[in-house]
């Protein structure tokens, strides 16, 4: 994050957002900046992750594992990650 738009402190976030971010941190070992950036606007954060979950979670998605991996890889490459 930048100094102009500092990342919110985890303890200041709504419970549902904080819980989800901590789950991601436990699984991946870090918190992606985009998660904290979106967390500054909780309604948008929830909408983004509802869409993410509809696409990427196996039980809710019609996409194959390969298609989901391609989305992640393409998005990462487009963002120079």
N, C-alpha and C. Protein backbone atom coordinates (compact mmCIF):
# COMPACT_ATOMS: atom_id res chain seq x y z
N UNK A 1 0.86 -1.17 0.00
CA UNK A 1 0.00 0.00 0.00
C UNK A 1 0.90 1.23 0.00
N UNK A 2 0.31 2.35 -0.24
CA UNK A 2 1.07 3.59 -0.28
C UNK A 2 0.80 4.41 0.98
N UNK A 3 1.63 5.42 1.19
CA UNK A 3 1.40 6.29 2.34
C UNK A 3 0.10 7.07 2.19
N UNK A 4 -0.25 7.38 0.96
CA UNK A 4 -1.48 8.14 0.74
C UNK A 4 -2.71 7.32 1.11
N UNK A 5 -2.65 6.04 0.82
CA UNK A 5 -3.75 5.12 1.13
C UNK A 5 -3.20 3.97 1.97
N UNK A 6 -2.96 4.20 3.24
CA UNK A 6 -2.36 3.15 4.06
C UNK A 6 -3.29 1.96 4.23
N UNK A 7 -2.69 0.80 4.39
CA UNK A 7 -3.47 -0.41 4.63
C UNK A 7 -4.18 -0.29 5.97
N UNK A 8 -5.42 -0.70 6.03
CA UNK A 8 -6.11 -0.67 7.32
C UNK A 8 -5.52 -1.71 8.27
N UNK A 9 -5.58 -1.42 9.54
CA UNK A 9 -5.14 -2.38 10.55
C UNK A 9 -6.16 -3.51 10.63
N UNK A 10 -5.68 -4.73 10.75
CA UNK A 10 -6.58 -5.88 10.80
C UNK A 10 -7.62 -5.75 11.90
N UNK A 11 -7.22 -5.22 13.03
CA UNK A 11 -8.17 -5.11 14.15
C UNK A 11 -9.27 -4.08 13.89
N UNK A 12 -9.08 -3.22 12.90
CA UNK A 12 -10.09 -2.22 12.56
C UNK A 12 -11.09 -2.71 11.51
N UNK A 13 -10.86 -3.88 10.95
CA UNK A 13 -11.73 -4.41 9.89
C UNK A 13 -12.94 -5.12 10.47
N UNK A 14 -14.04 -5.17 9.72
CA UNK A 14 -15.19 -5.96 10.16
C UNK A 14 -14.79 -7.42 10.36
N UNK A 15 -15.44 -8.07 11.28
CA UNK A 15 -15.10 -9.44 11.67
C UNK A 15 -15.02 -10.40 10.49
N UNK A 16 -16.00 -10.36 9.57
CA UNK A 16 -16.00 -11.32 8.46
C UNK A 16 -14.81 -11.11 7.53
N UNK A 17 -14.44 -9.87 7.30
CA UNK A 17 -13.31 -9.57 6.43
C UNK A 17 -12.00 -9.96 7.11
N UNK A 18 -11.87 -9.62 8.38
CA UNK A 18 -10.66 -9.97 9.13
C UNK A 18 -10.46 -11.48 9.15
N UNK A 19 -11.54 -12.23 9.40
CA UNK A 19 -11.45 -13.69 9.45
C UNK A 19 -10.97 -14.25 8.12
N UNK A 20 -11.54 -13.76 7.03
CA UNK A 20 -11.16 -14.27 5.70
C UNK A 20 -9.71 -13.93 5.38
N UNK A 21 -9.28 -12.72 5.70
CA UNK A 21 -7.90 -12.32 5.43
C UNK A 21 -6.94 -13.18 6.25
N UNK A 22 -7.27 -13.45 7.49
CA UNK A 22 -6.40 -14.29 8.32
C UNK A 22 -6.35 -15.72 7.81
N UNK A 23 -7.45 -16.22 7.26
CA UNK A 23 -7.45 -17.56 6.65
C UNK A 23 -6.49 -17.61 5.46
N UNK A 24 -6.52 -16.57 4.65
CA UNK A 24 -5.63 -16.50 3.49
C UNK A 24 -4.18 -16.42 3.96
N UNK A 25 -3.93 -15.62 4.98
CA UNK A 25 -2.57 -15.48 5.51
C UNK A 25 -2.06 -16.82 6.03
N UNK A 26 -2.90 -17.56 6.73
CA UNK A 26 -2.49 -18.85 7.26
C UNK A 26 -2.18 -19.83 6.13
N UNK A 27 -2.98 -19.80 5.09
CA UNK A 27 -2.81 -20.74 3.97
C UNK A 27 -1.60 -20.39 3.11
N UNK A 28 -1.42 -19.10 2.80
CA UNK A 28 -0.37 -18.71 1.86
C UNK A 28 0.88 -18.13 2.51
N UNK A 29 0.79 -17.76 3.78
CA UNK A 29 1.94 -17.22 4.48
C UNK A 29 2.08 -15.71 4.38
N UNK A 30 1.17 -15.06 3.68
CA UNK A 30 1.20 -13.60 3.57
C UNK A 30 -0.20 -13.11 3.23
N UNK A 31 -0.38 -11.79 3.34
CA UNK A 31 -1.66 -11.17 2.97
C UNK A 31 -1.43 -10.39 1.68
N UNK A 32 -2.09 -10.76 0.59
CA UNK A 32 -1.93 -10.00 -0.65
C UNK A 32 -2.39 -8.54 -0.46
N UNK A 33 -1.63 -7.61 -1.01
CA UNK A 33 -1.97 -6.19 -0.88
C UNK A 33 -3.37 -5.87 -1.38
N UNK A 34 -3.80 -6.57 -2.43
CA UNK A 34 -5.13 -6.29 -2.98
C UNK A 34 -6.21 -6.56 -1.94
N UNK A 35 -6.01 -7.54 -1.07
CA UNK A 35 -7.00 -7.85 -0.03
C UNK A 35 -7.13 -6.68 0.93
N UNK A 36 -5.98 -6.13 1.32
CA UNK A 36 -6.01 -4.99 2.25
C UNK A 36 -6.52 -3.73 1.57
N UNK A 37 -6.14 -3.54 0.32
CA UNK A 37 -6.63 -2.38 -0.42
C UNK A 37 -8.14 -2.38 -0.55
N UNK A 38 -8.69 -3.53 -0.92
CA UNK A 38 -10.15 -3.63 -1.05
C UNK A 38 -10.84 -3.53 0.31
N UNK A 39 -10.16 -3.94 1.36
CA UNK A 39 -10.76 -3.92 2.70
C UNK A 39 -11.07 -2.50 3.18
N UNK A 40 -10.48 -1.51 2.53
CA UNK A 40 -10.80 -0.12 2.89
C UNK A 40 -12.25 0.21 2.56
N UNK A 41 -12.85 -0.60 1.67
CA UNK A 41 -14.26 -0.41 1.27
C UNK A 41 -14.96 -1.76 1.42
N UNK A 42 -15.48 -2.05 2.60
CA UNK A 42 -16.02 -3.38 2.90
C UNK A 42 -17.08 -3.89 1.93
N UNK A 43 -17.97 -3.05 1.45
CA UNK A 43 -19.01 -3.52 0.53
C UNK A 43 -18.39 -4.03 -0.77
N UNK A 44 -17.41 -3.31 -1.29
CA UNK A 44 -16.73 -3.73 -2.51
C UNK A 44 -15.92 -4.99 -2.26
N UNK A 45 -15.28 -5.09 -1.10
CA UNK A 45 -14.50 -6.28 -0.74
C UNK A 45 -15.41 -7.51 -0.76
N UNK A 46 -16.57 -7.39 -0.13
CA UNK A 46 -17.50 -8.53 -0.08
C UNK A 46 -18.00 -8.90 -1.48
N UNK A 47 -18.28 -7.91 -2.32
CA UNK A 47 -18.74 -8.19 -3.68
C UNK A 47 -17.64 -8.88 -4.49
N UNK A 48 -16.42 -8.41 -4.37
CA UNK A 48 -15.30 -9.02 -5.09
C UNK A 48 -15.14 -10.48 -4.69
N UNK A 49 -15.17 -10.75 -3.39
CA UNK A 49 -14.94 -12.12 -2.94
C UNK A 49 -16.14 -13.03 -3.17
N UNK A 50 -17.31 -12.48 -3.25
CA UNK A 50 -18.47 -13.30 -3.65
C UNK A 50 -18.28 -13.76 -5.09
N UNK A 51 -17.82 -12.86 -5.95
CA UNK A 51 -17.54 -13.21 -7.35
C UNK A 51 -16.37 -14.19 -7.43
N UNK A 52 -15.31 -13.91 -6.69
CA UNK A 52 -14.15 -14.81 -6.64
C UNK A 52 -14.58 -16.21 -6.25
N UNK A 53 -15.35 -16.31 -5.20
CA UNK A 53 -15.76 -17.63 -4.70
C UNK A 53 -16.65 -18.36 -5.71
N UNK A 54 -17.51 -17.62 -6.39
CA UNK A 54 -18.39 -18.25 -7.39
C UNK A 54 -17.57 -18.84 -8.53
N UNK A 55 -16.46 -18.20 -8.88
CA UNK A 55 -15.60 -18.72 -9.94
C UNK A 55 -14.62 -19.77 -9.46
N UNK A 56 -14.02 -19.54 -8.31
CA UNK A 56 -12.83 -20.30 -7.94
C UNK A 56 -13.04 -21.44 -6.95
N UNK A 57 -14.12 -21.44 -6.21
CA UNK A 57 -14.33 -22.53 -5.26
C UNK A 57 -14.97 -23.71 -5.96
N UNK A 58 -14.38 -24.83 -5.80
CA UNK A 58 -14.78 -26.03 -6.54
C UNK A 58 -16.26 -26.36 -6.39
N UNK A 59 -16.78 -26.30 -5.19
CA UNK A 59 -18.17 -26.71 -4.98
C UNK A 59 -19.18 -25.75 -5.61
N UNK A 60 -18.77 -24.53 -5.90
CA UNK A 60 -19.69 -23.54 -6.47
C UNK A 60 -19.45 -23.27 -7.95
N UNK A 61 -18.34 -23.76 -8.50
CA UNK A 61 -17.93 -23.38 -9.85
C UNK A 61 -18.11 -24.52 -10.84
N UNK A 62 -18.40 -24.15 -12.08
CA UNK A 62 -18.43 -25.12 -13.17
C UNK A 62 -17.09 -25.18 -13.90
N UNK A 63 -16.11 -24.39 -13.45
CA UNK A 63 -14.80 -24.39 -14.08
C UNK A 63 -13.99 -25.60 -13.63
N UNK A 64 -13.15 -26.10 -14.53
CA UNK A 64 -12.24 -27.19 -14.16
C UNK A 64 -11.09 -26.61 -13.35
N UNK A 65 -10.33 -27.49 -12.71
CA UNK A 65 -9.17 -27.05 -11.95
C UNK A 65 -8.18 -26.33 -12.88
N UNK A 66 -7.99 -26.86 -14.07
CA UNK A 66 -7.09 -26.23 -15.04
C UNK A 66 -7.55 -24.83 -15.44
N UNK A 67 -8.84 -24.66 -15.63
CA UNK A 67 -9.37 -23.34 -15.98
C UNK A 67 -9.17 -22.35 -14.84
N UNK A 68 -9.39 -22.81 -13.61
CA UNK A 68 -9.17 -21.92 -12.46
C UNK A 68 -7.70 -21.54 -12.34
N UNK A 69 -6.80 -22.50 -12.55
CA UNK A 69 -5.36 -22.21 -12.50
C UNK A 69 -4.97 -21.23 -13.59
N UNK A 70 -5.58 -21.36 -14.77
CA UNK A 70 -5.28 -20.44 -15.87
C UNK A 70 -5.71 -19.02 -15.52
N UNK A 71 -6.83 -18.86 -14.86
CA UNK A 71 -7.28 -17.53 -14.42
C UNK A 71 -6.27 -16.91 -13.47
N UNK A 72 -5.82 -17.69 -12.49
CA UNK A 72 -4.86 -17.19 -11.51
C UNK A 72 -3.54 -16.83 -12.18
N UNK A 73 -3.04 -17.71 -13.04
CA UNK A 73 -1.77 -17.47 -13.72
C UNK A 73 -1.84 -16.25 -14.64
N UNK A 74 -2.89 -16.14 -15.40
CA UNK A 74 -3.05 -15.01 -16.32
C UNK A 74 -3.17 -13.69 -15.56
N UNK A 75 -3.94 -13.69 -14.48
CA UNK A 75 -4.09 -12.49 -13.67
C UNK A 75 -2.76 -12.08 -13.05
N UNK A 76 -2.02 -13.06 -12.54
CA UNK A 76 -0.70 -12.77 -11.95
C UNK A 76 0.25 -12.20 -12.99
N UNK A 77 0.27 -12.80 -14.18
CA UNK A 77 1.15 -12.32 -15.24
C UNK A 77 0.77 -10.90 -15.67
N UNK A 78 -0.51 -10.64 -15.80
CA UNK A 78 -0.97 -9.31 -16.21
C UNK A 78 -0.60 -8.24 -15.19
N UNK A 79 -0.45 -8.65 -13.93
CA UNK A 79 -0.11 -7.71 -12.86
C UNK A 79 1.36 -7.78 -12.46
N UNK A 80 2.17 -8.45 -13.30
CA UNK A 80 3.62 -8.57 -13.06
C UNK A 80 3.94 -9.16 -11.70
N UNK A 81 3.16 -10.15 -11.30
CA UNK A 81 3.40 -10.80 -10.01
C UNK A 81 4.31 -12.01 -10.17
